[in-house]
Amino acid sequence: MRTEHLRHGAMYLLCLLTILCLLTSCGSKRSDATGAGATASESSGTAAQRTDGPSSSSTFGSSSAVAVHFPTFELEVPADWSVRGNVGKVYEGDGMFLLTGPLDEVSGITSVEAALAEELELFFNTEYYRSQVRFEYEKEWEAGGMHRLSGTLHNDRTGGTLRFAGVFGTSPGLYCFYFWPDASRDGDGNRFMETTYESIRIL
């Protein structure tokens, strides 16, 4: 009889310990999940704050962002793209390229087209001649004191085309245009341009 009581007591104790272990493990998982949620919301809050100015957390595909400086402005570009140029610069990577730099005189779209055509000839002189470059605009709008453009660039020298999205400003004069090979990359090109546009800071 006594053995029977001891056996029941031991079983009862074992059941209590098992329940206690289960409750403890569920509680720690719940607190871990809560902690992870807090971290995620803190991260998204930080990212939201970064949209006000240059940051290292941007949407450039697999590349991080780096701020580049010009005399009158700065902006973000993909960190691992190659760069060439002195006054105006070309950044290349991920199957596309970015032309950016200051503009001395801005008298509307025509002066920006002339500057871009000149830079294309300078950086890619075997492929582009400034007199044989034409811009076809699909979208034009004003945003934050800047003029935004997107469309297709026609290269009459080779018969080829490039898609583009860009922005230019008049005070100070600046331009920033992404170019990519075809419409299948429109999502990437427009996203890259949006990220760079959001990072522009006048000095």
N, C-alpha and C. Protein backbone atom coordinates (compact mmCIF):
# COMPACT_ATOMS: atom_id res chain seq x y z
N MET A 1 0.83 -1.20 0.00
CA MET A 1 0.00 0.00 0.00
C MET A 1 0.87 1.25 0.00
N ARG A 2 1.89 1.21 0.86
CA ARG A 2 2.79 2.35 0.94
C ARG A 2 3.55 2.51 -0.39
N THR A 3 3.97 1.40 -0.97
CA THR A 3 4.66 1.43 -2.26
C THR A 3 3.77 2.04 -3.34
N GLU A 4 2.48 1.66 -3.26
CA GLU A 4 1.50 2.20 -4.21
C GLU A 4 1.42 3.71 -4.09
N HIS A 5 1.37 4.23 -2.84
CA HIS A 5 1.32 5.69 -2.62
C HIS A 5 2.58 6.37 -3.14
N LEU A 6 3.71 5.74 -2.89
CA LEU A 6 4.98 6.32 -3.36
C LEU A 6 5.03 6.37 -4.88
N ARG A 7 4.54 5.28 -5.50
CA ARG A 7 4.53 5.24 -6.96
C ARG A 7 3.63 6.34 -7.52
N HIS A 8 2.43 6.51 -6.92
CA HIS A 8 1.51 7.56 -7.36
C HIS A 8 2.11 8.95 -7.13
N GLY A 9 2.76 9.12 -6.00
CA GLY A 9 3.40 10.41 -5.69
C GLY A 9 4.50 10.73 -6.69
N ALA A 10 5.31 9.71 -7.00
CA ALA A 10 6.40 9.91 -7.95
C ALA A 10 5.86 10.26 -9.34
N MET A 11 4.80 9.57 -9.74
CA MET A 11 4.18 9.85 -11.05
C MET A 11 3.62 11.28 -11.08
N TYR A 12 2.97 11.65 -9.98
CA TYR A 12 2.38 12.98 -9.87
C TYR A 12 3.48 14.05 -9.98
N LEU A 13 4.58 13.83 -9.28
CA LEU A 13 5.71 14.76 -9.29
C LEU A 13 6.34 14.85 -10.68
N LEU A 14 6.46 13.71 -11.33
CA LEU A 14 7.03 13.66 -12.67
C LEU A 14 6.16 14.43 -13.66
N CYS A 15 4.82 14.26 -13.53
CA CYS A 15 3.89 15.01 -14.39
C CYS A 15 4.01 16.51 -14.15
N LEU A 16 4.12 16.92 -12.89
CA LEU A 16 4.26 18.35 -12.58
C LEU A 16 5.54 18.92 -13.17
N LEU A 17 6.63 18.18 -13.05
CA LEU A 17 7.91 18.63 -13.60
C LEU A 17 7.84 18.77 -15.12
N THR A 18 7.18 17.79 -15.77
CA THR A 18 7.04 17.84 -17.22
C THR A 18 6.26 19.06 -17.65
N ILE A 19 5.13 19.32 -16.96
CA ILE A 19 4.31 20.50 -17.28
C ILE A 19 5.09 21.79 -17.05
N LEU A 20 5.84 21.85 -15.97
CA LEU A 20 6.65 23.02 -15.65
C LEU A 20 7.69 23.27 -16.74
N CYS A 21 8.36 22.20 -17.20
CA CYS A 21 9.37 22.33 -18.26
C CYS A 21 8.74 22.84 -19.55
N LEU A 22 7.56 22.30 -19.89
CA LEU A 22 6.87 22.74 -21.10
C LEU A 22 6.49 24.21 -21.02
N LEU A 23 5.96 24.63 -19.89
CA LEU A 23 5.58 26.03 -19.71
C LEU A 23 6.77 26.96 -19.80
N THR A 24 7.88 26.55 -19.18
CA THR A 24 9.10 27.36 -19.19
C THR A 24 9.62 27.52 -20.62
N SER A 25 9.64 26.43 -21.38
CA SER A 25 10.15 26.50 -22.74
C SER A 25 9.25 27.34 -23.62
N CYS A 26 7.93 27.26 -23.48
CA CYS A 26 6.99 28.09 -24.26
C CYS A 26 7.19 29.56 -23.92
N GLY A 27 7.37 29.85 -22.66
CA GLY A 27 7.56 31.23 -22.22
C GLY A 27 8.80 31.84 -22.83
N SER A 28 9.91 31.08 -22.88
CA SER A 28 11.13 31.64 -23.43
C SER A 28 11.01 31.84 -24.93
N LYS A 29 10.30 30.92 -25.62
CA LYS A 29 10.09 31.10 -27.06
C LYS A 29 9.26 32.34 -27.33
N ARG A 30 8.24 32.56 -26.49
CA ARG A 30 7.39 33.72 -26.68
C ARG A 30 8.19 35.01 -26.49
N SER A 31 9.05 35.04 -25.47
CA SER A 31 9.84 36.26 -25.23
C SER A 31 10.85 36.47 -26.34
N ASP A 32 11.40 35.35 -26.91
CA ASP A 32 12.33 35.48 -28.04
C ASP A 32 11.61 36.09 -29.23
N ALA A 33 10.38 35.58 -29.47
CA ALA A 33 9.61 36.09 -30.61
C ALA A 33 9.28 37.55 -30.41
N THR A 34 8.92 37.93 -29.18
CA THR A 34 8.60 39.32 -28.89
C THR A 34 9.84 40.19 -29.10
N GLY A 35 10.99 39.69 -28.65
CA GLY A 35 12.24 40.43 -28.82
C GLY A 35 12.56 40.63 -30.29
N ALA A 36 12.37 39.57 -31.09
CA ALA A 36 12.66 39.67 -32.51
C ALA A 36 11.73 40.67 -33.17
N GLY A 37 10.46 40.67 -32.76
CA GLY A 37 9.50 41.62 -33.31
C GLY A 37 9.90 43.04 -32.98
N ALA A 38 10.36 43.27 -31.76
CA ALA A 38 10.78 44.61 -31.35
C ALA A 38 11.97 45.06 -32.19
N THR A 39 12.91 44.12 -32.41
CA THR A 39 14.08 44.46 -33.21
C THR A 39 13.67 44.81 -34.63
N ALA A 40 12.76 44.02 -35.20
CA ALA A 40 12.31 44.28 -36.57
C ALA A 40 11.65 45.65 -36.66
N SER A 41 10.80 45.98 -35.68
CA SER A 41 10.12 47.27 -35.74
C SER A 41 11.11 48.40 -35.50
N GLU A 42 12.11 48.18 -34.64
CA GLU A 42 13.13 49.20 -34.45
C GLU A 42 13.88 49.42 -35.75
N SER A 43 14.22 48.31 -36.46
CA SER A 43 14.94 48.43 -37.72
C SER A 43 14.12 49.19 -38.74
N SER A 44 12.82 48.86 -38.84
CA SER A 44 12.00 49.56 -39.83
C SER A 44 11.85 51.02 -39.45
N GLY A 45 11.80 51.31 -38.16
CA GLY A 45 11.72 52.70 -37.72
C GLY A 45 12.98 53.46 -38.10
N THR A 46 14.13 52.80 -37.94
CA THR A 46 15.39 53.43 -38.30
C THR A 46 15.44 53.69 -39.79
N ALA A 47 15.01 52.68 -40.58
CA ALA A 47 15.02 52.84 -42.03
C ALA A 47 14.12 54.00 -42.44
N ALA A 48 12.97 54.14 -41.78
CA ALA A 48 12.06 55.23 -42.11
C ALA A 48 12.70 56.57 -41.83
N GLN A 49 13.46 56.66 -40.72
CA GLN A 49 14.11 57.92 -40.39
C GLN A 49 15.20 58.25 -41.41
N ARG A 50 15.84 57.21 -41.99
CA ARG A 50 16.94 57.46 -42.89
C ARG A 50 16.52 58.05 -44.21
N THR A 51 15.24 57.98 -44.55
CA THR A 51 14.81 58.52 -45.84
C THR A 51 14.96 60.04 -45.89
N ASP A 52 15.16 60.68 -44.72
CA ASP A 52 15.31 62.13 -44.70
C ASP A 52 16.65 62.59 -45.26
N GLY A 53 17.65 61.73 -45.29
CA GLY A 53 18.97 62.14 -45.77
C GLY A 53 19.78 60.95 -46.18
N PRO A 54 21.06 61.16 -46.54
CA PRO A 54 21.91 60.08 -46.98
C PRO A 54 22.01 58.98 -45.92
N SER A 55 22.05 57.75 -46.38
CA SER A 55 22.15 56.61 -45.47
C SER A 55 22.92 55.51 -46.13
N SER A 56 23.22 54.46 -45.37
CA SER A 56 23.90 53.32 -45.96
C SER A 56 22.94 52.17 -46.17
N SER A 57 21.65 52.39 -45.91
CA SER A 57 20.64 51.34 -46.06
C SER A 57 19.72 51.72 -47.20
N SER A 58 20.05 51.33 -48.43
CA SER A 58 19.29 51.74 -49.58
C SER A 58 18.98 50.57 -50.48
N THR A 59 18.11 50.83 -51.45
CA THR A 59 17.69 49.76 -52.34
C THR A 59 18.51 49.77 -53.62
N PHE A 60 19.70 49.22 -53.59
CA PHE A 60 20.57 49.08 -54.76
C PHE A 60 20.84 47.61 -55.01
N GLY A 61 19.80 46.77 -55.01
CA GLY A 61 20.00 45.35 -55.23
C GLY A 61 20.84 44.76 -54.13
N SER A 62 21.91 44.05 -54.52
CA SER A 62 22.77 43.42 -53.52
C SER A 62 23.85 44.37 -53.01
N SER A 63 23.95 45.54 -53.60
CA SER A 63 25.01 46.48 -53.22
C SER A 63 24.54 47.43 -52.12
N SER A 64 25.45 47.80 -51.24
CA SER A 64 25.15 48.84 -50.26
C SER A 64 25.35 50.20 -50.94
N ALA A 65 25.07 51.27 -50.21
CA ALA A 65 25.15 52.61 -50.78
C ALA A 65 26.34 53.36 -50.21
N VAL A 66 26.84 54.29 -51.01
CA VAL A 66 27.90 55.17 -50.54
C VAL A 66 27.57 56.59 -51.01
N ALA A 67 27.81 57.56 -50.14
CA ALA A 67 27.56 58.97 -50.50
C ALA A 67 28.75 59.49 -51.29
N VAL A 68 28.48 60.16 -52.42
CA VAL A 68 29.53 60.79 -53.22
C VAL A 68 29.29 62.29 -53.24
N HIS A 69 30.38 63.04 -53.28
CA HIS A 69 30.29 64.49 -53.10
C HIS A 69 30.71 65.24 -54.36
N PHE A 70 29.96 66.26 -54.67
CA PHE A 70 30.28 67.21 -55.73
C PHE A 70 30.34 68.59 -55.06
N PRO A 71 30.84 69.61 -55.74
CA PRO A 71 30.99 70.91 -55.08
C PRO A 71 29.70 71.47 -54.47
N THR A 72 28.55 71.23 -55.10
CA THR A 72 27.32 71.86 -54.62
C THR A 72 26.26 70.87 -54.14
N PHE A 73 26.53 69.58 -54.24
CA PHE A 73 25.54 68.59 -53.81
C PHE A 73 26.22 67.25 -53.53
N GLU A 74 25.47 66.38 -52.87
CA GLU A 74 25.93 65.00 -52.69
C GLU A 74 24.73 64.08 -52.87
N LEU A 75 25.03 62.83 -53.18
CA LEU A 75 23.98 61.83 -53.37
C LEU A 75 24.57 60.44 -53.15
N GLU A 76 23.70 59.44 -53.12
CA GLU A 76 24.14 58.06 -52.91
C GLU A 76 24.14 57.28 -54.20
N VAL A 77 25.17 56.42 -54.33
CA VAL A 77 25.28 55.53 -55.47
C VAL A 77 25.63 54.13 -54.93
N PRO A 78 25.49 53.09 -55.76
CA PRO A 78 25.90 51.76 -55.29
C PRO A 78 27.38 51.72 -54.96
N ALA A 79 27.71 51.17 -53.80
CA ALA A 79 29.08 51.24 -53.28
C ALA A 79 30.10 50.47 -54.10
N ASP A 80 29.70 49.35 -54.72
CA ASP A 80 30.70 48.53 -55.40
C ASP A 80 30.75 48.75 -56.91
N TRP A 81 30.13 49.82 -57.42
CA TRP A 81 30.21 50.13 -58.84
C TRP A 81 31.54 50.83 -59.14
N SER A 82 32.09 50.60 -60.33
CA SER A 82 33.31 51.29 -60.73
C SER A 82 32.97 52.74 -61.10
N VAL A 83 33.96 53.61 -61.01
CA VAL A 83 33.72 55.03 -61.29
C VAL A 83 34.85 55.59 -62.15
N ARG A 84 34.47 56.46 -63.10
CA ARG A 84 35.43 57.17 -63.94
C ARG A 84 34.96 58.61 -64.06
N GLY A 85 35.91 59.51 -64.33
CA GLY A 85 35.54 60.89 -64.60
C GLY A 85 36.09 61.86 -63.57
N ASN A 86 36.12 63.14 -63.97
CA ASN A 86 36.61 64.20 -63.10
C ASN A 86 35.48 65.10 -62.62
N VAL A 87 34.93 65.90 -63.54
CA VAL A 87 33.82 66.79 -63.16
C VAL A 87 32.52 66.00 -63.18
N GLY A 88 32.12 65.53 -64.36
CA GLY A 88 31.01 64.58 -64.45
C GLY A 88 31.57 63.18 -64.27
N LYS A 89 30.77 62.28 -63.74
CA LYS A 89 31.26 60.93 -63.48
C LYS A 89 30.30 59.88 -64.03
N VAL A 90 30.86 58.73 -64.37
CA VAL A 90 30.06 57.58 -64.74
C VAL A 90 30.33 56.46 -63.75
N TYR A 91 29.27 55.91 -63.18
CA TYR A 91 29.34 54.76 -62.28
C TYR A 91 28.75 53.57 -63.02
N GLU A 92 29.47 52.44 -63.02
CA GLU A 92 29.02 51.28 -63.78
C GLU A 92 28.95 50.03 -62.91
N GLY A 93 27.88 49.25 -63.11
CA GLY A 93 27.73 47.99 -62.39
C GLY A 93 26.33 47.45 -62.56
N ASP A 94 26.16 46.17 -62.25
CA ASP A 94 24.84 45.53 -62.26
C ASP A 94 24.13 45.67 -63.61
N GLY A 95 24.91 45.70 -64.71
CA GLY A 95 24.31 45.77 -66.05
C GLY A 95 23.73 47.11 -66.41
N MET A 96 24.08 48.16 -65.69
CA MET A 96 23.60 49.51 -66.02
C MET A 96 24.69 50.52 -65.65
N PHE A 97 24.41 51.79 -65.94
CA PHE A 97 25.37 52.82 -65.53
C PHE A 97 24.63 54.09 -65.15
N LEU A 98 25.34 54.94 -64.41
CA LEU A 98 24.79 56.20 -63.90
C LEU A 98 25.71 57.33 -64.34
N LEU A 99 25.13 58.36 -64.97
CA LEU A 99 25.86 59.59 -65.28
C LEU A 99 25.39 60.67 -64.31
N THR A 100 26.32 61.32 -63.64
CA THR A 100 25.95 62.38 -62.70
C THR A 100 27.05 63.43 -62.62
N GLY A 101 26.64 64.65 -62.31
CA GLY A 101 27.60 65.72 -62.17
C GLY A 101 26.92 67.08 -62.11
N PRO A 102 27.71 68.14 -61.97
CA PRO A 102 27.15 69.49 -61.93
C PRO A 102 26.86 70.02 -63.34
N LEU A 103 25.97 70.98 -63.44
CA LEU A 103 25.66 71.67 -64.69
C LEU A 103 25.94 73.15 -64.50
N ASP A 104 26.76 73.72 -65.39
CA ASP A 104 27.08 75.14 -65.27
C ASP A 104 25.88 76.01 -65.60
N GLU A 105 25.24 75.72 -66.71
CA GLU A 105 24.08 76.50 -67.14
C GLU A 105 22.95 75.54 -67.47
N VAL A 106 21.79 75.80 -66.90
CA VAL A 106 20.63 74.95 -67.17
C VAL A 106 19.53 75.81 -67.77
N SER A 107 19.23 75.54 -69.03
CA SER A 107 18.15 76.29 -69.69
C SER A 107 17.09 75.30 -70.17
N GLY A 108 16.72 74.39 -69.27
CA GLY A 108 15.69 73.41 -69.59
C GLY A 108 16.24 72.09 -70.06
N ILE A 109 15.36 71.27 -70.60
CA ILE A 109 15.71 69.91 -70.99
C ILE A 109 16.80 69.88 -72.05
N THR A 110 16.79 70.86 -72.96
CA THR A 110 17.75 70.87 -74.06
C THR A 110 19.19 70.91 -73.55
N SER A 111 19.45 71.72 -72.53
CA SER A 111 20.82 71.81 -72.00
C SER A 111 21.23 70.52 -71.29
N VAL A 112 20.26 69.85 -70.67
CA VAL A 112 20.55 68.58 -70.00
C VAL A 112 20.84 67.51 -71.03
N GLU A 113 20.05 67.47 -72.09
CA GLU A 113 20.30 66.52 -73.18
C GLU A 113 21.70 66.71 -73.76
N ALA A 114 22.08 67.97 -73.96
CA ALA A 114 23.41 68.27 -74.52
C ALA A 114 24.51 67.78 -73.59
N ALA A 115 24.32 68.00 -72.28
CA ALA A 115 25.33 67.56 -71.31
C ALA A 115 25.43 66.04 -71.28
N LEU A 116 24.29 65.35 -71.30
CA LEU A 116 24.31 63.88 -71.27
C LEU A 116 24.93 63.32 -72.56
N ALA A 117 24.58 63.91 -73.70
CA ALA A 117 25.15 63.44 -74.97
C ALA A 117 26.67 63.63 -74.99
N GLU A 118 27.12 64.75 -74.44
CA GLU A 118 28.56 65.00 -74.36
C GLU A 118 29.26 63.99 -73.45
N GLU A 119 28.63 63.69 -72.32
CA GLU A 119 29.22 62.71 -71.39
C GLU A 119 29.23 61.30 -71.99
N LEU A 120 28.17 60.94 -72.69
CA LEU A 120 28.13 59.62 -73.35
C LEU A 120 29.27 59.50 -74.36
N GLU A 121 29.49 60.55 -75.15
CA GLU A 121 30.58 60.54 -76.12
C GLU A 121 31.94 60.48 -75.41
N LEU A 122 32.07 61.20 -74.31
CA LEU A 122 33.33 61.23 -73.57
C LEU A 122 33.66 59.87 -72.97
N PHE A 123 32.68 59.24 -72.30
CA PHE A 123 32.94 57.98 -71.60
C PHE A 123 32.85 56.74 -72.49
N PHE A 124 32.03 56.80 -73.53
CA PHE A 124 31.83 55.63 -74.41
C PHE A 124 32.02 56.05 -75.86
N ASN A 125 33.19 56.64 -76.18
CA ASN A 125 33.36 57.33 -77.46
C ASN A 125 33.27 56.43 -78.69
N THR A 126 33.44 55.14 -78.55
CA THR A 126 33.30 54.28 -79.73
C THR A 126 31.84 53.90 -79.98
N GLU A 127 30.99 54.14 -79.00
CA GLU A 127 29.58 53.75 -79.12
C GLU A 127 28.64 54.92 -79.35
N TYR A 128 28.97 56.09 -78.82
CA TYR A 128 28.05 57.23 -78.88
C TYR A 128 28.74 58.46 -79.46
N TYR A 129 28.03 59.14 -80.37
CA TYR A 129 28.44 60.46 -80.82
C TYR A 129 27.35 61.42 -80.38
N ARG A 130 27.75 62.56 -79.83
CA ARG A 130 26.74 63.48 -79.26
C ARG A 130 25.70 63.93 -80.28
N SER A 131 26.11 64.00 -81.56
CA SER A 131 25.17 64.44 -82.59
C SER A 131 24.20 63.34 -83.01
N GLN A 132 24.43 62.12 -82.52
CA GLN A 132 23.59 60.99 -82.93
C GLN A 132 22.86 60.34 -81.75
N VAL A 133 22.58 61.16 -80.75
CA VAL A 133 21.84 60.69 -79.57
C VAL A 133 20.51 61.43 -79.50
N ARG A 134 19.42 60.67 -79.33
CA ARG A 134 18.09 61.29 -79.22
C ARG A 134 17.38 60.76 -77.98
N PHE A 135 16.65 61.64 -77.30
CA PHE A 135 15.89 61.26 -76.10
C PHE A 135 14.40 61.25 -76.40
N GLU A 136 13.75 60.18 -76.04
CA GLU A 136 12.30 60.08 -76.17
C GLU A 136 11.72 59.94 -74.76
N TYR A 137 10.88 60.91 -74.36
CA TYR A 137 10.38 60.95 -72.99
C TYR A 137 9.01 60.28 -72.88
N GLU A 138 8.90 59.43 -71.89
CA GLU A 138 7.62 58.78 -71.60
C GLU A 138 6.94 59.42 -70.39
N LYS A 139 7.75 60.01 -69.52
CA LYS A 139 7.20 60.62 -68.31
C LYS A 139 8.06 61.80 -67.91
N GLU A 140 7.40 62.92 -67.58
CA GLU A 140 8.09 64.12 -67.09
C GLU A 140 7.27 64.69 -65.94
N TRP A 141 7.95 65.04 -64.85
CA TRP A 141 7.23 65.65 -63.74
C TRP A 141 8.20 66.40 -62.84
N GLU A 142 7.63 67.34 -62.08
CA GLU A 142 8.42 68.11 -61.11
C GLU A 142 8.28 67.46 -59.74
N ALA A 143 9.37 67.40 -59.00
CA ALA A 143 9.34 66.82 -57.65
C ALA A 143 10.41 67.48 -56.80
N GLY A 144 9.99 68.10 -55.71
CA GLY A 144 10.93 68.69 -54.77
C GLY A 144 11.89 69.69 -55.39
N GLY A 145 11.42 70.49 -56.33
CA GLY A 145 12.29 71.47 -56.98
C GLY A 145 13.17 70.87 -58.06
N MET A 146 13.00 69.60 -58.36
CA MET A 146 13.78 68.92 -59.39
C MET A 146 12.87 68.50 -60.54
N HIS A 147 13.46 68.37 -61.70
CA HIS A 147 12.72 67.92 -62.88
C HIS A 147 13.05 66.45 -63.11
N ARG A 148 12.03 65.59 -63.10
CA ARG A 148 12.22 64.15 -63.26
C ARG A 148 11.84 63.73 -64.68
N LEU A 149 12.62 62.79 -65.24
CA LEU A 149 12.40 62.31 -66.60
C LEU A 149 12.62 60.81 -66.68
N SER A 150 11.87 60.15 -67.56
CA SER A 150 12.15 58.75 -67.86
C SER A 150 11.73 58.47 -69.30
N GLY A 151 12.37 57.49 -69.93
CA GLY A 151 12.05 57.17 -71.31
C GLY A 151 13.10 56.31 -71.97
N THR A 152 13.33 56.58 -73.27
CA THR A 152 14.26 55.77 -74.07
C THR A 152 15.27 56.68 -74.75
N LEU A 153 16.54 56.27 -74.72
CA LEU A 153 17.59 56.98 -75.43
C LEU A 153 17.86 56.20 -76.72
N HIS A 154 17.84 56.90 -77.86
CA HIS A 154 18.11 56.28 -79.16
C HIS A 154 19.52 56.64 -79.60
N ASN A 155 20.30 55.62 -79.92
CA ASN A 155 21.67 55.81 -80.38
C ASN A 155 21.68 55.58 -81.89
N ASP A 156 21.63 56.67 -82.67
CA ASP A 156 21.57 56.55 -84.12
C ASP A 156 22.87 56.05 -84.73
N ARG A 157 23.95 56.09 -83.98
CA ARG A 157 25.23 55.57 -84.48
C ARG A 157 25.18 54.06 -84.62
N THR A 158 24.61 53.38 -83.63
CA THR A 158 24.58 51.91 -83.65
C THR A 158 23.18 51.34 -83.91
N GLY A 159 22.16 52.19 -83.82
CA GLY A 159 20.80 51.70 -83.95
C GLY A 159 20.25 51.11 -82.67
N GLY A 160 21.01 51.20 -81.59
CA GLY A 160 20.59 50.63 -80.31
C GLY A 160 19.79 51.62 -79.47
N THR A 161 19.22 51.12 -78.39
CA THR A 161 18.48 51.97 -77.46
C THR A 161 18.87 51.63 -76.03
N LEU A 162 18.64 52.59 -75.14
CA LEU A 162 18.80 52.38 -73.71
C LEU A 162 17.57 52.97 -73.02
N ARG A 163 17.17 52.34 -71.96
CA ARG A 163 16.12 52.91 -71.11
C ARG A 163 16.81 53.84 -70.11
N PHE A 164 16.09 54.86 -69.63
CA PHE A 164 16.71 55.76 -68.65
C PHE A 164 15.67 56.30 -67.69
N ALA A 165 16.16 56.75 -66.54
CA ALA A 165 15.38 57.50 -65.56
C ALA A 165 16.34 58.46 -64.90
N GLY A 166 15.92 59.71 -64.75
CA GLY A 166 16.85 60.68 -64.19
C GLY A 166 16.18 61.91 -63.62
N VAL A 167 17.05 62.78 -63.12
CA VAL A 167 16.60 64.02 -62.50
C VAL A 167 17.64 65.09 -62.79
N PHE A 168 17.16 66.35 -62.94
CA PHE A 168 18.11 67.45 -63.01
C PHE A 168 17.55 68.63 -62.23
N GLY A 169 18.46 69.45 -61.72
CA GLY A 169 18.09 70.63 -60.95
C GLY A 169 18.73 71.86 -61.54
N THR A 170 18.16 73.01 -61.24
CA THR A 170 18.67 74.27 -61.79
C THR A 170 19.39 75.12 -60.76
N SER A 171 19.12 74.90 -59.49
CA SER A 171 19.73 75.73 -58.45
C SER A 171 20.10 74.87 -57.23
N PRO A 172 21.27 74.29 -57.22
CA PRO A 172 22.34 74.40 -58.22
C PRO A 172 22.06 73.50 -59.43
N GLY A 173 22.82 73.74 -60.48
CA GLY A 173 22.69 72.90 -61.66
C GLY A 173 23.29 71.52 -61.40
N LEU A 174 22.49 70.47 -61.61
CA LEU A 174 22.99 69.11 -61.43
C LEU A 174 22.17 68.15 -62.28
N TYR A 175 22.77 67.02 -62.61
CA TYR A 175 22.05 65.97 -63.32
C TYR A 175 22.43 64.62 -62.74
N CYS A 176 21.52 63.67 -62.87
CA CYS A 176 21.73 62.32 -62.34
C CYS A 176 20.81 61.39 -63.13
N PHE A 177 21.37 60.55 -64.01
CA PHE A 177 20.58 59.69 -64.89
C PHE A 177 21.13 58.26 -64.89
N TYR A 178 20.24 57.31 -64.63
CA TYR A 178 20.56 55.89 -64.76
C TYR A 178 20.15 55.41 -66.16
N PHE A 179 20.98 54.56 -66.75
CA PHE A 179 20.70 53.96 -68.06
C PHE A 179 20.85 52.45 -67.95
N TRP A 180 19.95 51.71 -68.64
CA TRP A 180 20.03 50.25 -68.63
C TRP A 180 19.56 49.73 -69.98
N PRO A 181 19.84 48.46 -70.29
CA PRO A 181 19.69 47.99 -71.66
C PRO A 181 18.27 47.83 -72.21
N ASP A 182 17.32 47.37 -71.45
CA ASP A 182 15.99 47.15 -72.01
C ASP A 182 14.90 47.24 -70.95
N ALA A 183 13.66 47.18 -71.42
CA ALA A 183 12.51 47.40 -70.55
C ALA A 183 12.38 46.35 -69.45
N SER A 184 13.01 45.19 -69.62
CA SER A 184 12.93 44.15 -68.58
C SER A 184 13.60 44.59 -67.29
N ARG A 185 14.46 45.61 -67.36
CA ARG A 185 15.14 46.12 -66.17
C ARG A 185 14.53 47.42 -65.66
N ASP A 186 13.36 47.80 -66.16
CA ASP A 186 12.75 49.06 -65.74
C ASP A 186 12.55 49.14 -64.23
N GLY A 187 12.11 48.02 -63.62
CA GLY A 187 11.89 48.02 -62.18
C GLY A 187 13.15 48.35 -61.41
N ASP A 188 14.28 47.70 -61.80
CA ASP A 188 15.55 47.96 -61.13
C ASP A 188 16.02 49.39 -61.36
N GLY A 189 15.99 49.82 -62.61
CA GLY A 189 16.47 51.16 -62.94
C GLY A 189 15.69 52.25 -62.22
N ASN A 190 14.37 52.12 -62.23
CA ASN A 190 13.55 53.13 -61.55
C ASN A 190 13.74 53.10 -60.04
N ARG A 191 13.93 51.90 -59.48
CA ARG A 191 14.16 51.79 -58.03
C ARG A 191 15.51 52.41 -57.66
N PHE A 192 16.54 52.14 -58.46
CA PHE A 192 17.86 52.73 -58.20
C PHE A 192 17.77 54.25 -58.27
N MET A 193 17.07 54.76 -59.30
CA MET A 193 16.95 56.20 -59.46
C MET A 193 16.21 56.81 -58.29
N GLU A 194 15.15 56.14 -57.85
CA GLU A 194 14.37 56.65 -56.72
C GLU A 194 15.23 56.74 -55.47
N THR A 195 16.05 55.71 -55.23
CA THR A 195 16.93 55.70 -54.05
C THR A 195 17.93 56.84 -54.12
N THR A 196 18.54 57.04 -55.28
CA THR A 196 19.51 58.14 -55.43
C THR A 196 18.82 59.49 -55.31
N TYR A 197 17.65 59.63 -55.93
CA TYR A 197 16.92 60.90 -55.85
C TYR A 197 16.59 61.26 -54.40
N GLU A 198 16.14 60.29 -53.64
CA GLU A 198 15.80 60.53 -52.22
C GLU A 198 17.01 60.95 -51.41
N SER A 199 18.22 60.58 -51.88
CA SER A 199 19.42 60.86 -51.10
C SER A 199 20.07 62.20 -51.45
N ILE A 200 19.61 62.88 -52.51
CA ILE A 200 20.25 64.12 -52.95
C ILE A 200 20.18 65.18 -51.84
N ARG A 201 21.32 65.75 -51.57
CA ARG A 201 21.39 66.82 -50.56
C ARG A 201 22.16 67.98 -51.13
N ILE A 202 21.54 69.15 -51.13
CA ILE A 202 22.20 70.37 -51.63
C ILE A 202 23.12 70.90 -50.53
N LEU A 203 24.35 71.24 -50.91
CA LEU A 203 25.35 71.69 -49.93
C LEU A 203 25.39 73.22 -49.86
